[in-house]
Amino acid sequence: GISNCTNLTIPNVEYQLTNNASSAGTCFYVLANNVTLDCKGSMVNYSQSVNGYGINITEYNYTNIKSCNIVQGNPESPSSASYGIYIFKNSSNNAVFNNTIITLGDVAAGMYFESAYNNYVYNNNITISTISGSGGEGISLAGNDYNNKIYKLAILGY
């Protein structure tokens, strides 16, 4: 298992998070195909002092993100333009399920897809909390996204 934020670099491996993880910016970079991150209910606390992502999947495919409690940063100094899960640049066939995501920044998103396709999102809960009361997004689909499937999603904003 893994015990803190790190790069996920080995293909065809299931990484299991053994306790809460935290990072000043991005917590996990997926840097291989066919990676699974099973947080087993542990917290991924990202973007504590700078913009970042809980989990960044850029140009990799067949990633599974499951059972994570993804929380943005520090309530006293939330970073804008930070995303719980960021799927970008032709990433495809990824699955995000059974997660809870809490964002705190004014330009934050629970999940942000950009030029991503054939991804599956199901059974997730996203809570958006902004300082100004505007600007947060549950899921953002930007750029050339297509054929992404989203099921059983609860989004709460305050």
C-alpha atoms as a PDB file:
ATOM      1  CA  GLY A   1       0.000   0.000   0.000  1.00  0.00           C
ATOM      2  CA  ILE A   2       0.855   3.679  -0.154  1.00  0.00           C
ATOM      3  CA  SER A   3       0.655   6.036   2.795  1.00  0.00           C
ATOM      4  CA  ASN A   4       0.875   9.521   1.264  1.00  0.00           C
ATOM      5  CA  CYS A   5       0.702  11.515  -1.955  1.00  0.00           C
ATOM      6  CA  THR A   6       2.892  10.147  -4.736  1.00  0.00           C
ATOM      7  CA  ASN A   7       3.161   9.533  -8.464  1.00  0.00           C
ATOM      8  CA  LEU A   8       1.340   6.382  -9.604  1.00  0.00           C
ATOM      9  CA  THR A   9       3.820   5.108 -12.200  1.00  0.00           C
ATOM     10  CA  ILE A  10       3.427   1.336 -12.513  1.00  0.00           C
ATOM     11  CA  PRO A  11       0.911   0.033 -15.090  1.00  0.00           C
ATOM     12  CA  ASN A  12      -1.535  -2.745 -14.181  1.00  0.00           C
ATOM     13  CA  VAL A  13      -1.242  -2.089 -10.420  1.00  0.00           C
ATOM     14  CA  GLU A  14      -3.844  -1.401  -7.740  1.00  0.00           C
ATOM     15  CA  TYR A  15      -2.527   1.162  -5.274  1.00  0.00           C
ATOM     16  CA  GLN A  16      -4.253   1.037  -1.885  1.00  0.00           C
ATOM     17  CA  LEU A  17      -4.091   4.122   0.311  1.00  0.00           C
ATOM     18  CA  THR A  18      -3.449   3.018   3.894  1.00  0.00           C
ATOM     19  CA  ASN A  19      -4.088   6.361   5.647  1.00  0.00           C
ATOM     20  CA  ASN A  20      -4.957  10.001   4.952  1.00  0.00           C
ATOM     21  CA  ALA A  21      -2.724  11.801   2.443  1.00  0.00           C
ATOM     22  CA  SER A  22      -2.083  15.523   2.007  1.00  0.00           C
ATOM     23  CA  SER A  23      -0.245  17.849  -0.365  1.00  0.00           C
ATOM     24  CA  ALA A  24       0.458  21.550  -0.745  1.00  0.00           C
ATOM     25  CA  GLY A  25      -0.639  21.200  -4.401  1.00  0.00           C
ATOM     26  CA  THR A  26      -1.426  18.036  -6.377  1.00  0.00           C
ATOM     27  CA  CYS A  27      -1.598  14.820  -4.376  1.00  0.00           C
ATOM     28  CA  PHE A  28      -1.593  12.036  -7.003  1.00  0.00           C
ATOM     29  CA  TYR A  29      -0.355  12.082 -10.597  1.00  0.00           C
ATOM     30  CA  VAL A  30      -1.384   9.030 -12.628  1.00  0.00           C
ATOM     31  CA  LEU A  31       1.601   8.352 -14.903  1.00  0.00           C
ATOM     32  CA  ALA A  32       0.746   4.924 -16.363  1.00  0.00           C
ATOM     33  CA  ASN A  33      -2.146   3.123 -18.038  1.00  0.00           C
ATOM     34  CA  ASN A  34      -4.435   0.720 -16.194  1.00  0.00           C
ATOM     35  CA  VAL A  35      -3.841   2.054 -12.676  1.00  0.00           C
ATOM     36  CA  THR A  36      -6.312   1.713  -9.798  1.00  0.00           C
ATOM     37  CA  LEU A  37      -6.273   3.979  -6.749  1.00  0.00           C
ATOM     38  CA  ASP A  38      -8.401   2.531  -3.954  1.00  0.00           C
ATOM     39  CA  CYS A  39      -8.426   4.974  -1.045  1.00  0.00           C
ATOM     40  CA  LYS A  40     -10.478   2.603   1.135  1.00  0.00           C
ATOM     41  CA  GLY A  41     -12.263   5.641   2.609  1.00  0.00           C
ATOM     42  CA  SER A  42      -9.095   7.589   3.433  1.00  0.00           C
ATOM     43  CA  MET A  43      -8.876  11.325   2.845  1.00  0.00           C
ATOM     44  CA  VAL A  44      -6.918  12.905  -0.001  1.00  0.00           C
ATOM     45  CA  ASN A  45      -6.325  16.521   1.071  1.00  0.00           C
ATOM     46  CA  TYR A  46      -4.965  18.539  -1.860  1.00  0.00           C
ATOM     47  CA  SER A  47      -4.182  22.146  -2.706  1.00  0.00           C
ATOM     48  CA  GLN A  48      -3.459  23.145   0.885  1.00  0.00           C
ATOM     49  CA  SER A  49      -1.449  26.227  -0.087  1.00  0.00           C
ATOM     50  CA  VAL A  50      -1.172  26.353  -3.901  1.00  0.00           C
ATOM     51  CA  ASN A  51      -3.396  25.424  -6.848  1.00  0.00           C
ATOM     52  CA  GLY A  52      -3.465  21.706  -7.493  1.00  0.00           C
ATOM     53  CA  TYR A  53      -5.528  18.576  -7.952  1.00  0.00           C
ATOM     54  CA  GLY A  54      -6.475  15.689  -5.749  1.00  0.00           C
ATOM     55  CA  ILE A  55      -5.832  13.276  -8.611  1.00  0.00           C
ATOM     56  CA  ASN A  56      -4.456  14.269 -12.019  1.00  0.00           C
ATOM     57  CA  ILE A  57      -4.937  11.880 -14.970  1.00  0.00           C
ATOM     58  CA  THR A  58      -3.327  13.448 -18.057  1.00  0.00           C
ATOM     59  CA  GLU A  59      -2.807  11.373 -21.224  1.00  0.00           C
ATOM     60  CA  TYR A  60      -3.352   8.020 -19.484  1.00  0.00           C
ATOM     61  CA  ASN A  61      -6.195   5.540 -19.834  1.00  0.00           C
ATOM     62  CA  TYR A  62      -8.042   2.789 -17.939  1.00  0.00           C
ATOM     63  CA  THR A  63      -7.565   4.372 -14.503  1.00  0.00           C
ATOM     64  CA  ASN A  64      -9.967   3.540 -11.647  1.00  0.00           C
ATOM     65  CA  ILE A  65     -10.404   5.979  -8.753  1.00  0.00           C
ATOM     66  CA  LYS A  66     -12.553   4.545  -5.976  1.00  0.00           C
ATOM     67  CA  SER A  67     -13.602   4.996  -2.359  1.00  0.00           C
ATOM     68  CA  CYS A  68     -11.735   8.274  -1.848  1.00  0.00           C
ATOM     69  CA  ASN A  69     -12.689  11.173   0.409  1.00  0.00           C
ATOM     70  CA  ILE A  70     -11.157  14.019  -1.618  1.00  0.00           C
ATOM     71  CA  VAL A  71     -11.029  17.370   0.189  1.00  0.00           C
ATOM     72  CA  GLN A  72      -9.620  20.626  -1.129  1.00  0.00           C
ATOM     73  CA  GLY A  73      -7.017  22.303   0.990  1.00  0.00           C
ATOM     74  CA  ASN A  74      -7.228  24.531   3.944  1.00  0.00           C
ATOM     75  CA  PRO A  75     -10.540  26.338   4.674  1.00  0.00           C
ATOM     76  CA  GLU A  76      -8.619  29.430   5.845  1.00  0.00           C
ATOM     77  CA  SER A  77      -6.828  29.817   2.496  1.00  0.00           C
ATOM     78  CA  PRO A  78      -8.537  27.896  -0.310  1.00  0.00           C
ATOM     79  CA  SER A  79      -6.792  27.925  -3.678  1.00  0.00           C
ATOM     80  CA  SER A  80      -8.850  28.756  -6.732  1.00  0.00           C
ATOM     81  CA  ALA A  81      -8.619  26.782  -9.996  1.00  0.00           C
ATOM     82  CA  SER A  82      -8.097  23.534  -8.146  1.00  0.00           C
ATOM     83  CA  TYR A  83      -9.973  20.338  -8.932  1.00  0.00           C
ATOM     84  CA  GLY A  84     -10.663  17.185  -6.963  1.00  0.00           C
ATOM     85  CA  ILE A  85     -10.192  14.970 -10.020  1.00  0.00           C
ATOM     86  CA  TYR A  86      -8.695  16.314 -13.251  1.00  0.00           C
ATOM     87  CA  ILE A  87      -8.971  14.169 -16.406  1.00  0.00           C
ATOM     88  CA  PHE A  88      -7.216  15.790 -19.358  1.00  0.00           C
ATOM     89  CA  LYS A  89      -5.617  15.472 -22.799  1.00  0.00           C
ATOM     90  CA  ASN A  90      -7.174  12.475 -24.537  1.00  0.00           C
ATOM     91  CA  SER A  91      -7.511  10.424 -21.374  1.00  0.00           C
ATOM     92  CA  SER A  92     -10.132   7.758 -21.895  1.00  0.00           C
ATOM     93  CA  ASN A  93     -11.861   4.753 -20.393  1.00  0.00           C
ATOM     94  CA  ASN A  94     -11.267   5.895 -16.825  1.00  0.00           C
ATOM     95  CA  ALA A  95     -13.761   5.128 -14.031  1.00  0.00           C
ATOM     96  CA  VAL A  96     -14.435   7.335 -10.996  1.00  0.00           C
ATOM     97  CA  PHE A  97     -16.785   5.755  -8.470  1.00  0.00           C
ATOM     98  CA  ASN A  98     -17.841   5.665  -4.803  1.00  0.00           C
ATOM     99  CA  ASN A  99     -16.028   8.919  -3.955  1.00  0.00           C
ATOM    100  CA  THR A 100     -16.866  11.986  -1.884  1.00  0.00           C
ATOM    101  CA  ILE A 101     -15.370  15.289  -3.063  1.00  0.00           C
ATOM    102  CA  ILE A 102     -15.425  18.608  -1.183  1.00  0.00           C
ATOM    103  CA  THR A 103     -14.193  21.815  -2.865  1.00  0.00           C
ATOM    104  CA  LEU A 104     -13.529  25.121  -1.122  1.00  0.00           C
ATOM    105  CA  GLY A 105     -12.276  27.580  -3.752  1.00  0.00           C
ATOM    106  CA  ASP A 106     -14.209  30.129  -5.805  1.00  0.00           C
ATOM    107  CA  VAL A 107     -13.028  28.653  -9.125  1.00  0.00           C
ATOM    108  CA  ALA A 108     -12.865  25.052  -7.956  1.00  0.00           C
ATOM    109  CA  ALA A 109     -14.522  21.957  -9.403  1.00  0.00           C
ATOM    110  CA  GLY A 110     -15.151  18.543  -7.958  1.00  0.00           C
ATOM    111  CA  MET A 111     -14.254  16.960 -11.302  1.00  0.00           C
ATOM    112  CA  TYR A 112     -12.848  18.686 -14.365  1.00  0.00           C
ATOM    113  CA  PHE A 113     -12.754  16.953 -17.747  1.00  0.00           C
ATOM    114  CA  GLU A 114     -10.889  18.531 -20.659  1.00  0.00           C
ATOM    115  CA  SER A 115     -10.424  16.732 -23.987  1.00  0.00           C
ATOM    116  CA  ALA A 116     -11.441  13.497 -22.294  1.00  0.00           C
ATOM    117  CA  TYR A 117     -13.711  10.784 -23.658  1.00  0.00           C
ATOM    118  CA  ASN A 118     -15.352   7.438 -22.856  1.00  0.00           C
ATOM    119  CA  ASN A 119     -15.017   7.977 -19.102  1.00  0.00           C
ATOM    120  CA  TYR A 120     -17.441   6.656 -16.473  1.00  0.00           C
ATOM    121  CA  VAL A 121     -18.468   8.545 -13.340  1.00  0.00           C
ATOM    122  CA  TYR A 122     -20.916   6.920 -10.954  1.00  0.00           C
ATOM    123  CA  ASN A 123     -22.039   6.909  -7.335  1.00  0.00           C
ATOM    124  CA  ASN A 124     -20.132  10.048  -6.295  1.00  0.00           C
ATOM    125  CA  ASN A 125     -21.053  12.924  -3.962  1.00  0.00           C
ATOM    126  CA  ILE A 126     -19.673  16.422  -4.506  1.00  0.00           C
ATOM    127  CA  THR A 127     -19.999  19.363  -2.112  1.00  0.00           C
ATOM    128  CA  ILE A 128     -19.082  22.825  -3.373  1.00  0.00           C
ATOM    129  CA  SER A 129     -18.304  25.550  -0.842  1.00  0.00           C
ATOM    130  CA  THR A 130     -17.149  28.937  -2.133  1.00  0.00           C
ATOM    131  CA  ILE A 131     -16.071  32.055  -0.281  1.00  0.00           C
ATOM    132  CA  SER A 132     -17.883  34.450  -2.609  1.00  0.00           C
ATOM    133  CA  GLY A 133     -20.880  32.189  -3.056  1.00  0.00           C
ATOM    134  CA  SER A 134     -20.242  31.706  -6.778  1.00  0.00           C
ATOM    135  CA  GLY A 135     -17.827  30.092  -9.180  1.00  0.00           C
ATOM    136  CA  GLY A 136     -17.634  26.515  -7.891  1.00  0.00           C
ATOM    137  CA  GLU A 137     -18.661  23.635 -10.143  1.00  0.00           C
ATOM    138  CA  GLY A 138     -19.596  20.047  -9.420  1.00  0.00           C
ATOM    139  CA  ILE A 139     -18.398  18.705 -12.774  1.00  0.00           C
ATOM    140  CA  SER A 140     -16.956  20.782 -15.585  1.00  0.00           C
ATOM    141  CA  LEU A 141     -16.763  19.456 -19.146  1.00  0.00           C
ATOM    142  CA  ALA A 142     -14.429  21.677 -21.168  1.00  0.00           C
ATOM    143  CA  GLY A 143     -12.874  21.341 -24.597  1.00  0.00           C
ATOM    144  CA  ASN A 144     -13.436  18.294 -26.781  1.00  0.00           C
ATOM    145  CA  ASP A 145     -15.183  15.961 -24.344  1.00  0.00           C
ATOM    146  CA  TYR A 146     -17.467  13.252 -25.642  1.00  0.00           C
ATOM    147  CA  ASN A 147     -19.159  10.024 -24.660  1.00  0.00           C
ATOM    148  CA  ASN A 148     -18.544  10.510 -20.934  1.00  0.00           C
ATOM    149  CA  LYS A 149     -21.182   8.751 -18.844  1.00  0.00           C
ATOM    150  CA  ILE A 150     -22.291  10.163 -15.491  1.00  0.00           C
ATOM    151  CA  TYR A 151     -24.683   8.259 -13.184  1.00  0.00           C
ATOM    152  CA  LYS A 152     -25.843   8.567  -9.567  1.00  0.00           C
ATOM    153  CA  LEU A 153     -24.197  11.884  -8.854  1.00  0.00           C
ATOM    154  CA  ALA A 154     -25.203  14.130  -5.959  1.00  0.00           C
ATOM    155  CA  ILE A 155     -24.002  17.743  -5.997  1.00  0.00           C
ATOM    156  CA  LEU A 156     -24.576  20.077  -3.037  1.00  0.00           C
ATOM    157  CA  GLY A 157     -23.555  23.743  -3.103  1.00  0.00           C
ATOM    158  CA  TYR A 158     -23.400  26.308  -0.339  1.00  0.00           C
END
